[in-house]
Amino acid sequence: MSREPEVVVITGASAGVGRAAARKFARHGARIGLLARGVDGLKAAQREVQKLGSEALIIPTDVANAEQVEAAAEKVETELGP
C-alpha cells in the first residue's frame, strides 16, 4: 500500500532555519508550501527542494497579516492537499 506524501508548510522559508527545514522535509519526499516575504529567497528555496525531488509551492506571505496567512493556507490545501 503506497502512502501519500506529507504536506508541510514552512514559514520563513526563504533563508536560515526555514530554508534548512525545507531541504530536510524535501529529502523525505514531502510536498512543501514555502511562505516568506522575500520572493527571490523563495524561488531559490523552491529550486533546492525540486533538486531534491520534491514539490514546492511558493507563496509570498507576511505572516503578520492574518488575511495573507489564511489565503496561503487555502492555496496550499487546494494545490498540494490537506
Protein backbone atom coordinates (compact mmCIF):
# COMPACT_ATOMS: atom_id res chain seq x y z
CA MET A 1 0.00 0.00 0.00
CA SER A 2 1.53 3.33 -1.02
CA ARG A 3 1.27 6.35 1.18
CA GLU A 4 0.58 9.91 0.04
CA PRO A 5 3.47 12.30 0.63
CA GLU A 6 3.17 14.58 3.64
CA VAL A 7 2.17 18.18 3.06
CA VAL A 8 4.30 20.60 5.07
CA VAL A 9 4.04 24.39 5.35
CA ILE A 10 7.15 26.32 6.32
CA THR A 11 7.14 30.00 7.24
CA GLY A 12 10.33 31.98 6.92
CA ALA A 13 11.27 29.57 4.14
CA SER A 14 13.42 32.00 2.14
CA ALA A 15 16.51 31.76 4.40
CA GLY A 16 18.09 30.34 7.52
CA VAL A 17 16.30 27.73 9.61
CA GLY A 18 13.17 27.82 7.44
CA ARG A 19 15.12 27.08 4.28
CA ALA A 20 17.10 24.33 6.03
CA ALA A 21 13.82 22.79 7.21
CA ALA A 22 12.53 22.85 3.63
CA ARG A 23 15.58 20.89 2.46
CA LYS A 24 15.16 18.38 5.30
CA PHE A 25 11.49 17.73 4.52
CA ALA A 26 12.28 17.57 0.78
CA ARG A 27 14.77 14.76 1.43
CA HIS A 28 11.88 12.81 2.95
CA GLY A 29 9.61 13.42 -0.04
CA ALA A 30 7.22 15.95 1.46
CA ARG A 31 5.21 18.34 -0.68
CA ILE A 32 6.07 21.75 0.71
CA GLY A 33 4.35 25.11 0.90
CA LEU A 34 7.06 27.75 1.23
CA LEU A 35 5.97 31.02 2.83
CA ALA A 36 8.04 34.18 3.32
CA ARG A 37 8.09 37.80 2.24
CA GLY A 38 11.21 37.58 0.05
CA VAL A 39 10.34 36.29 -3.42
CA ASP A 40 13.96 35.80 -4.53
CA GLY A 41 14.72 33.65 -1.50
CA LEU A 42 11.51 31.68 -2.01
CA LYS A 43 12.43 30.95 -5.63
CA ALA A 44 15.89 29.77 -4.57
CA ALA A 45 14.39 27.55 -1.86
CA GLN A 46 11.93 26.13 -4.39
CA ARG A 47 14.80 25.22 -6.74
CA GLU A 48 16.63 23.48 -3.88
CA VAL A 49 13.52 21.48 -2.95
CA GLN A 50 12.93 20.49 -6.57
CA LYS A 51 16.57 19.39 -6.97
CA LEU A 52 15.95 17.03 -4.06
CA GLY A 53 12.97 15.56 -5.93
CA SER A 54 10.10 17.15 -4.01
CA GLU A 55 7.36 19.56 -4.96
CA ALA A 56 7.39 23.11 -3.63
CA LEU A 57 4.76 25.81 -3.88
CA ILE A 58 5.96 29.34 -3.17
CA ILE A 59 3.55 31.82 -1.65
CA PRO A 60 4.85 35.30 -0.81
CA THR A 61 3.27 35.93 2.60
CA ASP A 62 3.68 38.31 5.50
CA VAL A 63 2.76 36.10 8.47
CA ALA A 64 1.89 39.22 10.48
CA ASN A 65 -1.08 39.65 8.13
CA ALA A 66 -3.86 37.19 9.08
CA GLU A 67 -5.62 37.54 5.71
CA GLN A 68 -2.44 36.63 3.83
CA VAL A 69 -1.89 33.62 6.09
CA GLU A 70 -5.46 32.40 5.57
CA ALA A 71 -5.14 32.83 1.79
CA ALA A 72 -1.83 30.94 1.83
CA ALA A 73 -3.38 28.06 3.81
CA GLU A 74 -6.22 27.79 1.31
CA LYS A 75 -3.80 27.81 -1.63
CA VAL A 76 -1.63 25.08 -0.07
CA GLU A 77 -4.67 22.89 0.58
CA THR A 78 -6.00 23.42 -2.94
CA GLU A 79 -2.71 22.82 -4.74
CA LEU A 80 -0.85 20.35 -2.50
CA GLY A 81 -3.60 18.74 -0.44
CA PRO A 82 -4.70 18.79 3.19
